[in-house]
PDB file of all heavy atoms in Angstrom:
ATOM      1  N   LEU A   1    -106.911  78.075-220.221  1.00  0.00           N
ATOM      2  CA  LEU A   1    -106.723  77.378-221.492  1.00  0.00           C
ATOM      3  C   LEU A   1    -108.074  77.017-222.082  1.00  0.00           C
ATOM      4  O   LEU A   1    -108.988  76.621-221.356  1.00  0.00           O
ATOM      5  CB  LEU A   1    -105.918  76.099-221.280  1.00  0.00           C
ATOM      6  CG  LEU A   1    -104.533  76.278-220.678  1.00  0.00           C
ATOM      7  CD1 LEU A   1    -103.985  74.946-220.211  1.00  0.00           C
ATOM      8  CD2 LEU A   1    -103.605  76.914-221.680  1.00  0.00           C
ATOM      9  N   VAL A   2    -108.185  77.142-223.384  1.00  0.00           N
ATOM     10  CA  VAL A   2    -109.360  76.660-224.106  1.00  0.00           C
ATOM     11  C   VAL A   2    -108.896  75.424-224.857  1.00  0.00           C
ATOM     12  O   VAL A   2    -108.021  75.506-225.715  1.00  0.00           O
ATOM     13  CB  VAL A   2    -109.912  77.713-225.089  1.00  0.00           C
ATOM     14  CG1 VAL A   2    -111.112  77.151-225.834  1.00  0.00           C
ATOM     15  CG2 VAL A   2    -110.271  78.983-224.350  1.00  0.00           C
ATOM     16  N   ILE A   3    -109.463  74.296-224.488  1.00  0.00           N
ATOM     17  CA  ILE A   3    -109.015  73.034-225.053  1.00  0.00           C
ATOM     18  C   ILE A   3    -110.059  72.526-226.038  1.00  0.00           C
ATOM     19  O   ILE A   3    -111.161  72.147-225.658  1.00  0.00           O
ATOM     20  CB  ILE A   3    -108.782  71.992-223.941  1.00  0.00           C
ATOM     21  CG1 ILE A   3    -107.805  72.564-222.915  1.00  0.00           C
ATOM     22  CG2 ILE A   3    -108.267  70.689-224.543  1.00  0.00           C
ATOM     23  CD1 ILE A   3    -107.700  71.753-221.646  1.00  0.00           C
ATOM     24  N   ASP A   4    -109.704  72.566-227.293  1.00  0.00           N
ATOM     25  CA  ASP A   4    -110.511  72.020-228.380  1.00  0.00           C
ATOM     26  C   ASP A   4    -109.719  70.822-228.900  1.00  0.00           C
ATOM     27  O   ASP A   4    -108.691  71.001-229.556  1.00  0.00           O
ATOM     28  CB  ASP A   4    -110.680  73.077-229.465  1.00  0.00           C
ATOM     29  CG  ASP A   4    -111.324  72.553-230.728  1.00  0.00           C
ATOM     30  OD1 ASP A   4    -111.643  71.350-230.811  1.00  0.00           O
ATOM     31  OD2 ASP A   4    -111.491  73.355-231.670  1.00  0.00           O
ATOM     32  N   PRO A   5    -110.139  69.594-228.580  1.00  0.00           N
ATOM     33  CA  PRO A   5    -109.335  68.427-228.950  1.00  0.00           C
ATOM     34  C   PRO A   5    -108.961  68.364-230.433  1.00  0.00           C
ATOM     35  O   PRO A   5    -107.855  67.976-230.779  1.00  0.00           O
ATOM     36  CB  PRO A   5    -110.222  67.242-228.561  1.00  0.00           C
ATOM     37  CG  PRO A   5    -111.147  67.779-227.536  1.00  0.00           C
ATOM     38  CD  PRO A   5    -111.355  69.227-227.883  1.00  0.00           C
ATOM     39  N   TYR A   6    -109.866  68.774-231.309  1.00  0.00           N
ATOM     40  CA  TYR A   6    -109.573  68.724-232.740  1.00  0.00           C
ATOM     41  C   TYR A   6    -108.571  69.815-233.118  1.00  0.00           C
ATOM     42  O   TYR A   6    -107.674  69.595-233.920  1.00  0.00           O
ATOM     43  CB  TYR A   6    -110.872  68.855-233.538  1.00  0.00           C
ATOM     44  CG  TYR A   6    -111.851  67.775-233.162  1.00  0.00           C
ATOM     45  CD1 TYR A   6    -112.950  68.059-232.357  1.00  0.00           C
ATOM     46  CD2 TYR A   6    -111.662  66.464-233.563  1.00  0.00           C
ATOM     47  CE1 TYR A   6    -113.835  67.066-231.978  1.00  0.00           C
ATOM     48  CE2 TYR A   6    -112.544  65.456-233.183  1.00  0.00           C
ATOM     49  CZ  TYR A   6    -113.626  65.764-232.394  1.00  0.00           C
ATOM     50  OH  TYR A   6    -114.494  64.778-232.007  1.00  0.00           O
ATOM     51  N   GLY A   7    -108.708  70.980-232.516  1.00  0.00           N
ATOM     52  CA  GLY A   7    -107.745  72.057-232.755  1.00  0.00           C
ATOM     53  C   GLY A   7    -106.367  71.721-232.212  1.00  0.00           C
ATOM     54  O   GLY A   7    -105.348  72.019-232.833  1.00  0.00           O
ATOM     55  N   VAL A   8    -106.327  71.086-231.043  1.00  0.00           N
ATOM     56  CA  VAL A   8    -105.050  70.667-230.462  1.00  0.00           C
ATOM     57  C   VAL A   8    -104.342  69.701-231.407  1.00  0.00           C
ATOM     58  O   VAL A   8    -103.143  69.819-231.657  1.00  0.00           O
ATOM     59  CB  VAL A   8    -105.259  70.020-229.071  1.00  0.00           C
ATOM     60  CG1 VAL A   8    -103.996  69.331-228.589  1.00  0.00           C
ATOM     61  CG2 VAL A   8    -105.708  71.067-228.064  1.00  0.00           C
ATOM     62  N   ALA A   9    -105.085  68.750-231.943  1.00  0.00           N
ATOM     63  CA  ALA A   9    -104.488  67.775-232.855  1.00  0.00           C
ATOM     64  C   ALA A   9    -103.892  68.454-234.091  1.00  0.00           C
ATOM     65  O   ALA A   9    -102.831  68.061-234.568  1.00  0.00           O
ATOM     66  CB  ALA A   9    -105.529  66.737-233.267  1.00  0.00           C
ATOM     67  N   LYS A  10    -104.537  69.505-234.577  1.00  0.00           N
ATOM     68  CA  LYS A  10    -104.044  70.213-235.758  1.00  0.00           C
ATOM     69  C   LYS A  10    -102.808  71.058-235.454  1.00  0.00           C
ATOM     70  O   LYS A  10    -101.976  71.271-236.324  1.00  0.00           O
ATOM     71  CB  LYS A  10    -105.139  71.123-236.321  1.00  0.00           C
ATOM     72  CG  LYS A  10    -106.278  70.384-236.952  1.00  0.00           C
ATOM     73  CD  LYS A  10    -107.334  71.363-237.426  1.00  0.00           C
ATOM     74  CE  LYS A  10    -108.547  70.632-237.947  1.00  0.00           C
ATOM     75  NZ  LYS A  10    -109.633  71.545-238.295  1.00  0.00           N
ATOM     76  N   ARG A  11    -102.688  71.559-234.207  1.00  0.00           N
ATOM     77  CA  ARG A  11    -101.610  72.498-233.877  1.00  0.00           C
ATOM     78  C   ARG A  11    -100.544  71.920-232.950  1.00  0.00           C
ATOM     79  O   ARG A  11     -99.691  72.651-232.468  1.00  0.00           O
ATOM     80  CB  ARG A  11    -102.205  73.753-233.236  1.00  0.00           C
ATOM     81  CG  ARG A  11    -103.070  74.566-234.182  1.00  0.00           C
ATOM     82  CD  ARG A  11    -103.530  75.872-233.547  1.00  0.00           C
ATOM     83  NE  ARG A  11    -104.290  75.684-232.331  1.00  0.00           N
ATOM     84  CZ  ARG A  11    -105.611  75.488-232.255  1.00  0.00           C
ATOM     85  NH1 ARG A  11    -106.320  75.436-233.354  1.00  0.00           N
ATOM     86  NH2 ARG A  11    -106.214  75.342-231.097  1.00  0.00           N
ATOM     87  N   ILE A  12    -100.550  70.624-232.713  1.00  0.00           N
ATOM     88  CA  ILE A  12     -99.621  70.030-231.750  1.00  0.00           C
ATOM     89  C   ILE A  12     -98.166  70.309-232.124  1.00  0.00           C
ATOM     90  O   ILE A  12     -97.307  70.432-231.255  1.00  0.00           O
ATOM     91  CB  ILE A  12     -99.882  68.515-231.577  1.00  0.00           C
ATOM     92  CG1 ILE A  12     -99.153  67.978-230.343  1.00  0.00           C
ATOM     93  CG2 ILE A  12     -99.500  67.744-232.823  1.00  0.00           C
ATOM     94  CD1 ILE A  12     -99.706  68.449-229.045  1.00  0.00           C
ATOM     95  N   ALA A  13     -97.864  70.463-233.389  1.00  0.00           N
ATOM     96  CA  ALA A  13     -96.487  70.732-233.822  1.00  0.00           C
ATOM     97  C   ALA A  13     -95.996  72.104-233.364  1.00  0.00           C
ATOM     98  O   ALA A  13     -94.795  72.359-233.347  1.00  0.00           O
ATOM     99  CB  ALA A  13     -96.380  70.614-235.342  1.00  0.00           C
ATOM    100  N   ASN A  14     -96.909  73.005-232.965  1.00  0.00           N
ATOM    101  CA  ASN A  14     -96.513  74.345-232.513  1.00  0.00           C
ATOM    102  C   ASN A  14     -95.961  74.353-231.092  1.00  0.00           C
ATOM    103  O   ASN A  14     -95.361  75.332-230.672  1.00  0.00           O
ATOM    104  CB  ASN A  14     -97.704  75.306-232.566  1.00  0.00           C
ATOM    105  CG  ASN A  14     -98.186  75.547-233.970  1.00  0.00           C
ATOM    106  OD1 ASN A  14     -97.481  75.298-234.934  1.00  0.00           O
ATOM    107  ND2 ASN A  14     -99.420  76.006-234.100  1.00  0.00           N
ATOM    108  N   ALA A  15     -96.174  73.300-230.353  1.00  0.00           N
ATOM    109  CA  ALA A  15     -95.728  73.261-228.955  1.00  0.00           C
ATOM    110  C   ALA A  15     -94.213  73.099-228.894  1.00  0.00           C
ATOM    111  O   ALA A  15     -93.623  72.343-229.663  1.00  0.00           O
ATOM    112  CB  ALA A  15     -96.406  72.114-228.222  1.00  0.00           C
ATOM    113  N   THR A  16     -93.586  73.839-227.977  1.00  0.00           N
ATOM    114  CA  THR A  16     -92.146  73.749-227.756  1.00  0.00           C
ATOM    115  C   THR A  16     -91.900  73.667-226.254  1.00  0.00           C
ATOM    116  O   THR A  16     -92.813  73.860-225.455  1.00  0.00           O
ATOM    117  CB  THR A  16     -91.423  74.990-228.317  1.00  0.00           C
ATOM    118  OG1 THR A  16     -91.843  76.138-227.576  1.00  0.00           O
ATOM    119  CG2 THR A  16     -91.707  75.194-229.803  1.00  0.00           C
ATOM    120  N   GLU A  17     -90.657  73.413-225.859  1.00  0.00           N
ATOM    121  CA  GLU A  17     -90.318  73.403-224.434  1.00  0.00           C
ATOM    122  C   GLU A  17     -90.662  74.740-223.793  1.00  0.00           C
ATOM    123  O   GLU A  17     -91.171  74.792-222.694  1.00  0.00           O
ATOM    124  CB  GLU A  17     -88.824  73.164-224.226  1.00  0.00           C
ATOM    125  CG  GLU A  17     -88.362  71.753-224.015  1.00  0.00           C
ATOM    126  CD  GLU A  17     -89.068  70.946-222.947  1.00  0.00           C
ATOM    127  OE1 GLU A  17     -89.218  71.392-221.792  1.00  0.00           O
ATOM    128  OE2 GLU A  17     -89.450  69.825-223.265  1.00  0.00           O
ATOM    129  N   GLU A  18     -90.367  75.827-224.493  1.00  0.00           N
ATOM    130  CA  GLU A  18     -90.615  77.157-223.949  1.00  0.00           C
ATOM    131  C   GLU A  18     -92.085  77.542-224.006  1.00  0.00           C
ATOM    132  O   GLU A  18     -92.566  78.329-223.209  1.00  0.00           O
ATOM    133  CB  GLU A  18     -89.797  78.221-224.697  1.00  0.00           C
ATOM    134  CG  GLU A  18     -88.295  78.053-224.569  1.00  0.00           C
ATOM    135  CD  GLU A  18     -87.730  76.953-225.460  1.00  0.00           C
ATOM    136  OE1 GLU A  18     -88.278  76.712-226.549  1.00  0.00           O
ATOM    137  OE2 GLU A  18     -86.739  76.322-225.040  1.00  0.00           O
ATOM    138  N   ASN A  19     -92.808  77.043-224.979  1.00  0.00           N
ATOM    139  CA  ASN A  19     -94.223  77.365-225.163  1.00  0.00           C
ATOM    140  C   ASN A  19     -95.003  76.062-225.273  1.00  0.00           C
ATOM    141  O   ASN A  19     -95.447  75.675-226.341  1.00  0.00           O
ATOM    142  CB  ASN A  19     -94.430  78.223-226.416  1.00  0.00           C
ATOM    143  CG  ASN A  19     -95.891  78.579-226.617  1.00  0.00           C
ATOM    144  OD1 ASN A  19     -96.698  78.503-225.704  1.00  0.00           O
ATOM    145  ND2 ASN A  19     -96.241  78.951-227.830  1.00  0.00           N
ATOM    146  N   PHE A  20     -95.178  75.380-224.137  1.00  0.00           N
ATOM    147  CA  PHE A  20     -95.827  74.073-224.165  1.00  0.00           C
ATOM    148  C   PHE A  20     -97.336  74.159-224.271  1.00  0.00           C
ATOM    149  O   PHE A  20     -97.996  73.132-224.314  1.00  0.00           O
ATOM    150  CB  PHE A  20     -95.408  73.221-222.966  1.00  0.00           C
ATOM    151  CG  PHE A  20     -95.651  73.879-221.644  1.00  0.00           C
ATOM    152  CD1 PHE A  20     -96.852  73.743-220.999  1.00  0.00           C
ATOM    153  CD2 PHE A  20     -94.654  74.644-221.061  1.00  0.00           C
ATOM    154  CE1 PHE A  20     -97.071  74.356-219.785  1.00  0.00           C
ATOM    155  CE2 PHE A  20     -94.868  75.249-219.843  1.00  0.00           C
ATOM    156  CZ  PHE A  20     -96.075  75.108-219.199  1.00  0.00           C
ATOM    157  N   VAL A  21     -97.903  75.359-224.307  1.00  0.00           N
ATOM    158  CA  VAL A  21     -99.339  75.495-224.567  1.00  0.00           C
ATOM    159  C   VAL A  21     -99.575  75.960-226.002  1.00  0.00           C
ATOM    160  O   VAL A  21    -100.651  76.379-226.355  1.00  0.00           O
ATOM    161  CB  VAL A  21    -100.047  76.449-223.562  1.00  0.00           C
ATOM    162  CG1 VAL A  21     -99.977  75.902-222.164  1.00  0.00           C
ATOM    163  CG2 VAL A  21     -99.498  77.851-223.652  1.00  0.00           C
ATOM    164  N   GLY A  22     -98.569  75.845-226.850  1.00  0.00           N
ATOM    165  CA  GLY A  22     -98.657  76.306-228.235  1.00  0.00           C
ATOM    166  C   GLY A  22     -99.764  75.671-229.031  1.00  0.00           C
ATOM    167  O   GLY A  22    -100.210  76.215-230.031  1.00  0.00           O
ATOM    168  N   GLN A  23    -100.237  74.516-228.602  1.00  0.00           N
ATOM    169  CA  GLN A  23    -101.298  73.845-229.327  1.00  0.00           C
ATOM    170  C   GLN A  23    -102.685  74.236-228.830  1.00  0.00           C
ATOM    171  O   GLN A  23    -103.671  73.789-229.361  1.00  0.00           O
ATOM    172  CB  GLN A  23    -101.107  72.320-229.257  1.00  0.00           C
ATOM    173  CG  GLN A  23    -101.445  71.695-227.927  1.00  0.00           C
ATOM    174  CD  GLN A  23    -100.324  71.748-226.903  1.00  0.00           C
ATOM    175  OE1 GLN A  23     -99.384  72.523-227.013  1.00  0.00           O
ATOM    176  NE2 GLN A  23    -100.428  70.930-225.884  1.00  0.00           N
ATOM    177  N   MET A  24    -102.749  75.093-227.795  1.00  0.00           N
ATOM    178  CA  MET A  24    -104.033  75.514-227.235  1.00  0.00           C
ATOM    179  C   MET A  24    -104.104  77.034-227.153  1.00  0.00           C
ATOM    180  O   MET A  24    -103.082  77.700-227.058  1.00  0.00           O
ATOM    181  CB  MET A  24    -104.200  74.948-225.822  1.00  0.00           C
ATOM    182  CG  MET A  24    -104.415  73.476-225.779  1.00  0.00           C
ATOM    183  SD  MET A  24    -104.630  72.912-224.095  1.00  0.00           S
ATOM    184  CE  MET A  24    -103.029  72.195-223.790  1.00  0.00           C
ATOM    185  N   VAL A  25    -105.296  77.547-227.174  1.00  0.00           N
ATOM    186  CA  VAL A  25    -105.492  78.969-226.916  1.00  0.00           C
ATOM    187  C   VAL A  25    -105.290  79.172-225.416  1.00  0.00           C
ATOM    188  O   VAL A  25    -105.890  78.471-224.601  1.00  0.00           O
ATOM    189  CB  VAL A  25    -106.904  79.414-227.331  1.00  0.00           C
ATOM    190  CG1 VAL A  25    -107.148  80.860-226.953  1.00  0.00           C
ATOM    191  CG2 VAL A  25    -107.120  79.188-228.818  1.00  0.00           C
ATOM    192  N   ALA A  26    -104.417  80.107-225.052  1.00  0.00           N
ATOM    193  CA  ALA A  26    -104.152  80.371-223.639  1.00  0.00           C
ATOM    194  C   ALA A  26    -104.201  81.871-223.401  1.00  0.00           C
ATOM    195  O   ALA A  26    -103.706  82.652-224.215  1.00  0.00           O
ATOM    196  CB  ALA A  26    -102.780  79.824-223.244  1.00  0.00           C
ATOM    197  N   VAL A  27    -104.815  82.272-222.298  1.00  0.00           N
ATOM    198  CA  VAL A  27    -104.907  83.687-221.932  1.00  0.00           C
ATOM    199  C   VAL A  27    -104.643  83.843-220.445  1.00  0.00           C
ATOM    200  O   VAL A  27    -104.787  82.903-219.673  1.00  0.00           O
ATOM    201  CB  VAL A  27    -106.291  84.290-222.279  1.00  0.00           C
ATOM    202  CG1 VAL A  27    -106.529  84.315-223.767  1.00  0.00           C
ATOM    203  CG2 VAL A  27    -107.404  83.528-221.575  1.00  0.00           C
ATOM    204  N   ASN A  28    -104.249  85.031-220.059  1.00  0.00           N
ATOM    205  CA  ASN A  28    -104.112  85.377-218.648  1.00  0.00           C
ATOM    206  C   ASN A  28    -105.257  86.305-218.295  1.00  0.00           C
ATOM    207  O   ASN A  28    -105.417  87.351-218.916  1.00  0.00           O
ATOM    208  CB  ASN A  28    -102.775  86.057-218.387  1.00  0.00           C
ATOM    209  CG  ASN A  28    -101.617  85.131-218.650  1.00  0.00           C
ATOM    210  OD1 ASN A  28    -100.904  85.305-219.618  1.00  0.00           O
ATOM    211  ND2 ASN A  28    -101.441  84.131-217.826  1.00  0.00           N
TER     212      ASN A  28
END
């Protein structure tokens, strides 16, 4: 996960039960 606190605050509404990392950039 790449955690940018300001970016997380802007995208927090994108998080769902199924995609709880929706507010962060996530890669495998």
